[in-house]
PDB file of N, CA and C in Angstrom:
ATOM      1  N   MET A   1     -15.212  -8.061   2.488  1.00  0.00           N
ATOM      2  CA  MET A   1     -14.029  -8.816   2.850  1.00  0.00           C
ATOM      3  C   MET A   1     -12.814  -7.902   2.743  1.00  0.00           C
ATOM      4  N   ALA A   2     -11.943  -7.935   3.712  1.00  0.00           N
ATOM      5  CA  ALA A   2     -10.737  -7.118   3.717  1.00  0.00           C
ATOM      6  C   ALA A   2      -9.679  -7.739   2.805  1.00  0.00           C
ATOM      7  N   GLU A   3      -8.953  -6.872   2.135  1.00  0.00           N
ATOM      8  CA  GLU A   3      -7.861  -7.286   1.254  1.00  0.00           C
ATOM      9  C   GLU A   3      -6.597  -6.578   1.709  1.00  0.00           C
ATOM     10  N   ASP A   4      -5.469  -7.263   1.626  1.00  0.00           N
ATOM     11  CA  ASP A   4      -4.190  -6.670   2.004  1.00  0.00           C
ATOM     12  C   ASP A   4      -3.417  -6.242   0.761  1.00  0.00           C
ATOM     13  N   VAL A   5      -2.732  -5.107   0.882  1.00  0.00           N
ATOM     14  CA  VAL A   5      -1.753  -4.684  -0.112  1.00  0.00           C
ATOM     15  C   VAL A   5      -0.409  -5.092   0.471  1.00  0.00           C
ATOM     16  N   VAL A   6       0.327  -5.935  -0.239  1.00  0.00           N
ATOM     17  CA  VAL A   6       1.531  -6.574   0.293  1.00  0.00           C
ATOM     18  C   VAL A   6       2.762  -6.172  -0.522  1.00  0.00           C
ATOM     19  N   ALA A   7       3.885  -5.973   0.174  1.00  0.00           N
ATOM     20  CA  ALA A   7       5.150  -5.664  -0.494  1.00  0.00           C
ATOM     21  C   ALA A   7       5.648  -6.885  -1.252  1.00  0.00           C
ATOM     22  N   GLU A   8       6.169  -6.648  -2.436  1.00  0.00           N
ATOM     23  CA  GLU A   8       6.715  -7.743  -3.233  1.00  0.00           C
ATOM     24  C   GLU A   8       8.235  -7.813  -3.162  1.00  0.00           C
ATOM     25  N   ILE A   9       8.873  -6.755  -2.607  1.00  0.00           N
ATOM     26  CA  ILE A   9      10.326  -6.695  -2.529  1.00  0.00           C
ATOM     27  C   ILE A   9      10.749  -6.036  -1.219  1.00  0.00           C
ATOM     28  N   VAL A  10      12.018  -6.159  -0.889  1.00  0.00           N
ATOM     29  CA  VAL A  10      12.593  -5.421   0.223  1.00  0.00           C
ATOM     30  C   VAL A  10      12.795  -3.989  -0.263  1.00  0.00           C
ATOM     31  N   ALA A  11      12.297  -3.007   0.519  1.00  0.00           N
ATOM     32  CA  ALA A  11      12.380  -1.617   0.075  1.00  0.00           C
ATOM     33  C   ALA A  11      12.197  -0.679   1.258  1.00  0.00           C
ATOM     34  N   SER A  12      12.493   0.593   1.019  1.00  0.00           N
ATOM     35  CA  SER A  12      12.219   1.655   1.986  1.00  0.00           C
ATOM     36  C   SER A  12      10.960   2.392   1.548  1.00  0.00           C
ATOM     37  N   VAL A  13      10.170   2.820   2.509  1.00  0.00           N
ATOM     38  CA  VAL A  13       8.952   3.569   2.212  1.00  0.00           C
ATOM     39  C   VAL A  13       9.333   5.042   2.010  1.00  0.00           C
ATOM     40  N   LEU A  14       9.122   5.551   0.786  1.00  0.00           N
ATOM     41  CA  LEU A  14       9.413   6.949   0.472  1.00  0.00           C
ATOM     42  C   LEU A  14       8.242   7.860   0.778  1.00  0.00           C
ATOM     43  N   GLU A  15       7.041   7.386   0.450  1.00  0.00           N
ATOM     44  CA  GLU A  15       5.855   8.224   0.609  1.00  0.00           C
ATOM     45  C   GLU A  15       4.627   7.346   0.812  1.00  0.00           C
ATOM     46  N   VAL A  16       3.779   7.737   1.743  1.00  0.00           N
ATOM     47  CA  VAL A  16       2.494   7.073   1.971  1.00  0.00           C
ATOM     48  C   VAL A  16       1.431   7.994   1.389  1.00  0.00           C
ATOM     49  N   LEU A  17       0.666   7.504   0.426  1.00  0.00           N
ATOM     50  CA  LEU A  17      -0.260   8.342  -0.325  1.00  0.00           C
ATOM     51  C   LEU A  17      -1.725   8.150   0.044  1.00  0.00           C
ATOM     52  N   VAL A  18      -2.003   7.311   1.030  1.00  0.00           N
ATOM     53  CA  VAL A  18      -3.388   7.070   1.449  1.00  0.00           C
ATOM     54  C   VAL A  18      -3.493   7.182   2.968  1.00  0.00           C
ATOM     55  N   THR A  19      -4.722   7.368   3.426  1.00  0.00           N
ATOM     56  CA  THR A  19      -5.011   7.406   4.859  1.00  0.00           C
ATOM     57  C   THR A  19      -6.226   6.527   5.135  1.00  0.00           C
ATOM     58  N   PRO A  20      -6.362   6.028   6.363  1.00  0.00           N
ATOM     59  CA  PRO A  20      -7.550   5.227   6.685  1.00  0.00           C
ATOM     60  C   PRO A  20      -8.832   6.011   6.394  1.00  0.00           C
ATOM     61  N   GLY A  21      -9.784   5.307   5.799  1.00  0.00           N
ATOM     62  CA  GLY A  21     -11.062   5.917   5.435  1.00  0.00           C
ATOM     63  C   GLY A  21     -11.096   6.464   4.020  1.00  0.00           C
ATOM     64  N   GLN A  22      -9.947   6.533   3.360  1.00  0.00           N
ATOM     65  CA  GLN A  22      -9.875   7.063   2.002  1.00  0.00           C
ATOM     66  C   GLN A  22     -10.367   6.039   0.997  1.00  0.00           C
ATOM     67  N   GLU A  23     -11.146   6.505   0.028  1.00  0.00           N
ATOM     68  CA  GLU A  23     -11.600   5.656  -1.076  1.00  0.00           C
ATOM     69  C   GLU A  23     -10.486   5.564  -2.114  1.00  0.00           C
ATOM     70  N   VAL A  24     -10.239   4.359  -2.643  1.00  0.00           N
ATOM     71  CA  VAL A  24      -9.265   4.170  -3.713  1.00  0.00           C
ATOM     72  C   VAL A  24      -9.910   3.410  -4.857  1.00  0.00           C
ATOM     73  N   GLU A  25      -9.389   3.653  -6.037  1.00  0.00           N
ATOM     74  CA  GLU A  25      -9.813   2.931  -7.225  1.00  0.00           C
ATOM     75  C   GLU A  25      -8.719   1.940  -7.600  1.00  0.00           C
ATOM     76  N   ALA A  26      -9.060   0.922  -8.343  1.00  0.00           N
ATOM     77  CA  ALA A  26      -8.049  -0.012  -8.843  1.00  0.00           C
ATOM     78  C   ALA A  26      -7.015   0.775  -9.628  1.00  0.00           C
ATOM     79  N   GLY A  27      -5.739   0.539  -9.328  1.00  0.00           N
ATOM     80  CA  GLY A  27      -4.665   1.227 -10.015  1.00  0.00           C
ATOM     81  C   GLY A  27      -4.153   2.466  -9.307  1.00  0.00           C
ATOM     82  N   ASP A  28      -4.849   2.933  -8.250  1.00  0.00           N
ATOM     83  CA  ASP A  28      -4.348   4.072  -7.477  1.00  0.00           C
ATOM     84  C   ASP A  28      -3.083   3.681  -6.735  1.00  0.00           C
ATOM     85  N   THR A  29      -2.146   4.611  -6.617  1.00  0.00           N
ATOM     86  CA  THR A  29      -0.914   4.364  -5.885  1.00  0.00           C
ATOM     87  C   THR A  29      -1.189   4.482  -4.390  1.00  0.00           C
ATOM     88  N   VAL A  30      -0.814   3.444  -3.640  1.00  0.00           N
ATOM     89  CA  VAL A  30      -1.010   3.400  -2.193  1.00  0.00           C
ATOM     90  C   VAL A  30       0.224   3.963  -1.487  1.00  0.00           C
ATOM     91  N   VAL A  31       1.393   3.470  -1.855  1.00  0.00           N
ATOM     92  CA  VAL A  31       2.660   3.970  -1.319  1.00  0.00           C
ATOM     93  C   VAL A  31       3.695   3.994  -2.444  1.00  0.00           C
ATOM     94  N   LEU A  32       4.740   4.775  -2.200  1.00  0.00           N
ATOM     95  CA  LEU A  32       5.868   4.814  -3.107  1.00  0.00           C
ATOM     96  C   LEU A  32       7.062   4.255  -2.355  1.00  0.00           C
ATOM     97  N   LEU A  33       7.673   3.212  -2.929  1.00  0.00           N
ATOM     98  CA  LEU A  33       8.823   2.557  -2.311  1.00  0.00           C
ATOM     99  C   LEU A  33      10.098   2.923  -3.057  1.00  0.00           C
ATOM    100  N   GLU A  34      11.243   2.717  -2.394  1.00  0.00           N
ATOM    101  CA  GLU A  34      12.548   2.896  -3.026  1.00  0.00           C
ATOM    102  C   GLU A  34      13.355   1.642  -2.777  1.00  0.00           C
ATOM    103  N   SER A  35      13.904   1.108  -3.864  1.00  0.00           N
ATOM    104  CA  SER A  35      14.776  -0.054  -3.767  1.00  0.00           C
ATOM    105  C   SER A  35      15.826   0.059  -4.859  1.00  0.00           C
ATOM    106  N   MET A  36      17.086  -0.049  -4.474  1.00  0.00           N
ATOM    107  CA  MET A  36      18.186   0.017  -5.422  1.00  0.00           C
ATOM    108  C   MET A  36      18.119   1.297  -6.255  1.00  0.00           C
ATOM    109  N   LYS A  37      17.795   2.418  -5.584  1.00  0.00           N
ATOM    110  CA  LYS A  37      17.727   3.756  -6.181  1.00  0.00           C
ATOM    111  C   LYS A  37      16.633   3.894  -7.229  1.00  0.00           C
ATOM    112  N   MET A  38      15.654   3.001  -7.190  1.00  0.00           N
ATOM    113  CA  MET A  38      14.508   3.089  -8.095  1.00  0.00           C
ATOM    114  C   MET A  38      13.253   3.337  -7.277  1.00  0.00           C
ATOM    115  N   GLU A  39      12.368   4.203  -7.781  1.00  0.00           N
ATOM    116  CA  GLU A  39      11.080   4.437  -7.139  1.00  0.00           C
ATOM    117  C   GLU A  39      10.065   3.448  -7.701  1.00  0.00           C
ATOM    118  N   ILE A  40       9.349   2.777  -6.791  1.00  0.00           N
ATOM    119  CA  ILE A  40       8.412   1.732  -7.185  1.00  0.00           C
ATOM    120  C   ILE A  40       7.047   2.031  -6.584  1.00  0.00           C
ATOM    121  N   PRO A  41       6.047   2.349  -7.422  1.00  0.00           N
ATOM    122  CA  PRO A  41       4.704   2.565  -6.879  1.00  0.00           C
ATOM    123  C   PRO A  41       4.049   1.226  -6.542  1.00  0.00           C
ATOM    124  N   VAL A  42       3.336   1.187  -5.423  1.00  0.00           N
ATOM    125  CA  VAL A  42       2.546   0.014  -5.046  1.00  0.00           C
ATOM    126  C   VAL A  42       1.094   0.411  -5.270  1.00  0.00           C
ATOM    127  N   LEU A  43       0.401  -0.347  -6.110  1.00  0.00           N
ATOM    128  CA  LEU A  43      -0.940   0.008  -6.551  1.00  0.00           C
ATOM    129  C   LEU A  43      -2.022  -0.829  -5.875  1.00  0.00           C
ATOM    130  N   ALA A  44      -3.186  -0.227  -5.699  1.00  0.00           N
ATOM    131  CA  ALA A  44      -4.366  -0.965  -5.237  1.00  0.00           C
ATOM    132  C   ALA A  44      -4.834  -1.842  -6.395  1.00  0.00           C
ATOM    133  N   GLU A  45      -5.086  -3.100  -6.108  1.00  0.00           N
ATOM    134  CA  GLU A  45      -5.542  -4.012  -7.157  1.00  0.00           C
ATOM    135  C   GLU A  45      -7.029  -3.887  -7.433  1.00  0.00           C
ATOM    136  N   GLU A  46      -7.795  -3.425  -6.437  1.00  0.00           N
ATOM    137  CA  GLU A  46      -9.240  -3.283  -6.570  1.00  0.00           C
ATOM    138  C   GLU A  46      -9.681  -1.981  -5.920  1.00  0.00           C
ATOM    139  N   ALA A  47     -10.875  -1.540  -6.236  1.00  0.00           N
ATOM    140  CA  ALA A  47     -11.458  -0.372  -5.583  1.00  0.00           C
ATOM    141  C   ALA A  47     -11.874  -0.748  -4.163  1.00  0.00           C
ATOM    142  N   GLY A  48     -11.842   0.224  -3.269  1.00  0.00           N
ATOM    143  CA  GLY A  48     -12.268  -0.026  -1.899  1.00  0.00           C
ATOM    144  C   GLY A  48     -11.949   1.154  -1.010  1.00  0.00           C
ATOM    145  N   THR A  49     -12.085   0.950   0.279  1.00  0.00           N
ATOM    146  CA  THR A  49     -11.796   1.968   1.280  1.00  0.00           C
ATOM    147  C   THR A  49     -10.625   1.497   2.118  1.00  0.00           C
ATOM    148  N   ILE A  50      -9.631   2.355   2.303  1.00  0.00           N
ATOM    149  CA  ILE A  50      -8.467   2.010   3.115  1.00  0.00           C
ATOM    150  C   ILE A  50      -8.924   1.852   4.568  1.00  0.00           C
ATOM    151  N   ALA A  51      -8.685   0.687   5.133  1.00  0.00           N
ATOM    152  CA  ALA A  51      -9.058   0.408   6.520  1.00  0.00           C
ATOM    153  C   ALA A  51      -7.893   0.696   7.467  1.00  0.00           C
ATOM    154  N   ASP A  52      -6.668   0.392   7.025  1.00  0.00           N
ATOM    155  CA  ASP A  52      -5.505   0.517   7.900  1.00  0.00           C
ATOM    156  C   ASP A  52      -4.248   0.684   7.046  1.00  0.00           C
ATOM    157  N   VAL A  53      -3.366   1.587   7.463  1.00  0.00           N
ATOM    158  CA  VAL A  53      -2.058   1.747   6.830  1.00  0.00           C
ATOM    159  C   VAL A  53      -1.029   1.278   7.849  1.00  0.00           C
ATOM    160  N   ARG A  54      -0.202   0.329   7.464  1.00  0.00           N
ATOM    161  CA  ARG A  54       0.710  -0.315   8.422  1.00  0.00           C
ATOM    162  C   ARG A  54       2.171   0.072   8.253  1.00  0.00           C
ATOM    163  N   VAL A  55       2.462   1.049   7.394  1.00  0.00           N
ATOM    164  CA  VAL A  55       3.842   1.503   7.203  1.00  0.00           C
ATOM    165  C   VAL A  55       3.910   3.014   7.372  1.00  0.00           C
ATOM    166  N   ASN A  56       5.128   3.492   7.629  1.00  0.00           N
ATOM    167  CA  ASN A  56       5.403   4.918   7.742  1.00  0.00           C
ATOM    168  C   ASN A  56       6.587   5.260   6.856  1.00  0.00           C
ATOM    169  N   VAL A  57       6.687   6.529   6.484  1.00  0.00           N
ATOM    170  CA  VAL A  57       7.827   6.985   5.697  1.00  0.00           C
ATOM    171  C   VAL A  57       9.111   6.640   6.452  1.00  0.00           C
ATOM    172  N   GLY A  58      10.064   6.063   5.733  1.00  0.00           N
ATOM    173  CA  GLY A  58      11.342   5.684   6.323  1.00  0.00           C
ATOM    174  C   GLY A  58      11.424   4.236   6.761  1.00  0.00           C
ATOM    175  N   ASP A  59      10.279   3.555   6.878  1.00  0.00           N
ATOM    176  CA  ASP A  59      10.291   2.139   7.247  1.00  0.00           C
ATOM    177  C   ASP A  59      10.994   1.313   6.173  1.00  0.00           C
ATOM    178  N   VAL A  60      11.713   0.291   6.594  1.00  0.00           N
ATOM    179  CA  VAL A  60      12.268  -0.705   5.673  1.00  0.00           C
ATOM    180  C   VAL A  60      11.359  -1.921   5.775  1.00  0.00           C
ATOM    181  N   ILE A  61      10.785  -2.310   4.653  1.00  0.00           N
ATOM    182  CA  ILE A  61       9.839  -3.422   4.650  1.00  0.00           C
ATOM    183  C   ILE A  61      10.425  -4.602   3.891  1.00  0.00           C
ATOM    184  N   GLN A  62       9.932  -5.766   4.217  1.00  0.00           N
ATOM    185  CA  GLN A  62      10.389  -7.016   3.607  1.00  0.00           C
ATOM    186  C   GLN A  62       9.314  -7.533   2.647  1.00  0.00           C
ATOM    187  N   ALA A  63       9.713  -8.362   1.711  1.00  0.00           N
ATOM    188  CA  ALA A  63       8.748  -8.996   0.816  1.00  0.00           C
ATOM    189  C   ALA A  63       7.736  -9.758   1.657  1.00  0.00           C
ATOM    190  N   GLY A  64       6.460  -9.543   1.378  1.00  0.00           N
ATOM    191  CA  GLY A  64       5.392 -10.200   2.119  1.00  0.00           C
ATOM    192  C   GLY A  64       4.803  -9.368   3.236  1.00  0.00           C
ATOM    193  N   ASP A  65       5.467  -8.268   3.617  1.00  0.00           N
ATOM    194  CA  ASP A  65       4.915  -7.398   4.668  1.00  0.00           C
ATOM    195  C   ASP A  65       3.636  -6.732   4.169  1.00  0.00           C
ATOM    196  N   VAL A  66       2.664  -6.602   5.049  1.00  0.00           N
ATOM    197  CA  VAL A  66       1.418  -5.916   4.712  1.00  0.00           C
ATOM    198  C   VAL A  66       1.662  -4.413   4.784  1.00  0.00           C
ATOM    199  N   ILE A  67       1.337  -3.723   3.707  1.00  0.00           N
ATOM    200  CA  ILE A  67       1.495  -2.278   3.623  1.00  0.00           C
ATOM    201  C   ILE A  67       0.219  -1.591   4.089  1.00  0.00           C
ATOM    202  N   ALA A  68      -0.906  -2.059   3.603  1.00  0.00           N
ATOM    203  CA  ALA A  68      -2.195  -1.482   3.958  1.00  0.00           C
ATOM    204  C   ALA A  68      -3.278  -2.539   3.788  1.00  0.00           C
ATOM    205  N   THR A  69      -4.393  -2.302   4.431  1.00  0.00           N
ATOM    206  CA  THR A  69      -5.554  -3.168   4.310  1.00  0.00           C
ATOM    207  C   THR A  69      -6.722  -2.314   3.838  1.00  0.00           C
ATOM    208  N   PHE A  70      -7.501  -2.844   2.905  1.00  0.00           N
ATOM    209  CA  PHE A  70      -8.687  -2.105   2.504  1.00  0.00           C
ATOM    210  C   PHE A  70      -9.897  -3.007   2.481  1.00  0.00           C
ATOM    211  N   ASP A  71     -11.059  -2.357   2.670  1.00  0.00           N
ATOM    212  CA  ASP A  71     -12.323  -3.075   2.650  1.00  0.00           C
ATOM    213  C   ASP A  71     -12.898  -3.022   1.243  1.00  0.00           C
ATOM    214  N   ASP A  72     -13.350  -4.143   0.765  1.00  0.00           N
ATOM    215  CA  ASP A  72     -13.978  -4.237  -0.551  1.00  0.00           C
ATOM    216  C   ASP A  72     -15.418  -3.754  -0.425  1.00  0.00           C
ATOM    217  N   PRO A  73     -15.807  -2.709  -1.177  1.00  0.00           N
ATOM    218  CA  PRO A  73     -17.177  -2.188  -1.045  1.00  0.00           C
ATOM    219  C   PRO A  73     -18.246  -3.147  -1.534  1.00  0.00           C
ATOM    220  N   THR A  74     -17.880  -4.197  -2.261  1.00  0.00           N
ATOM    221  CA  THR A  74     -18.866  -5.143  -2.773  1.00  0.00           C
ATOM    222  C   THR A  74     -19.112  -6.276  -1.776  1.00  0.00           C
ATOM    223  N   ALA A  75     -18.350  -6.295  -0.667  1.00  0.00           N
ATOM    224  CA  ALA A  75     -18.488  -7.396   0.300  1.00  0.00           C
ATOM    225  C   ALA A  75     -19.707  -7.190   1.175  1.00  0.00           C
TER     226      ALA A  75
END
């Protein structure tokens, strides 16, 4: 089953740290956001494989926007 990594705040994308096909573990940083001059890491909640990255460096994202989608290896 696919899971989405979703933004919780309005922010700018500083760095994208994953690519499609990459394996991630729970707690790995997917992207680094900037909001109000603070850097905010967005973490994978579960282990899996990145299926799709939907943001690019410099994008301004809104709360609820999908950042990336990953496939759960247990599905």
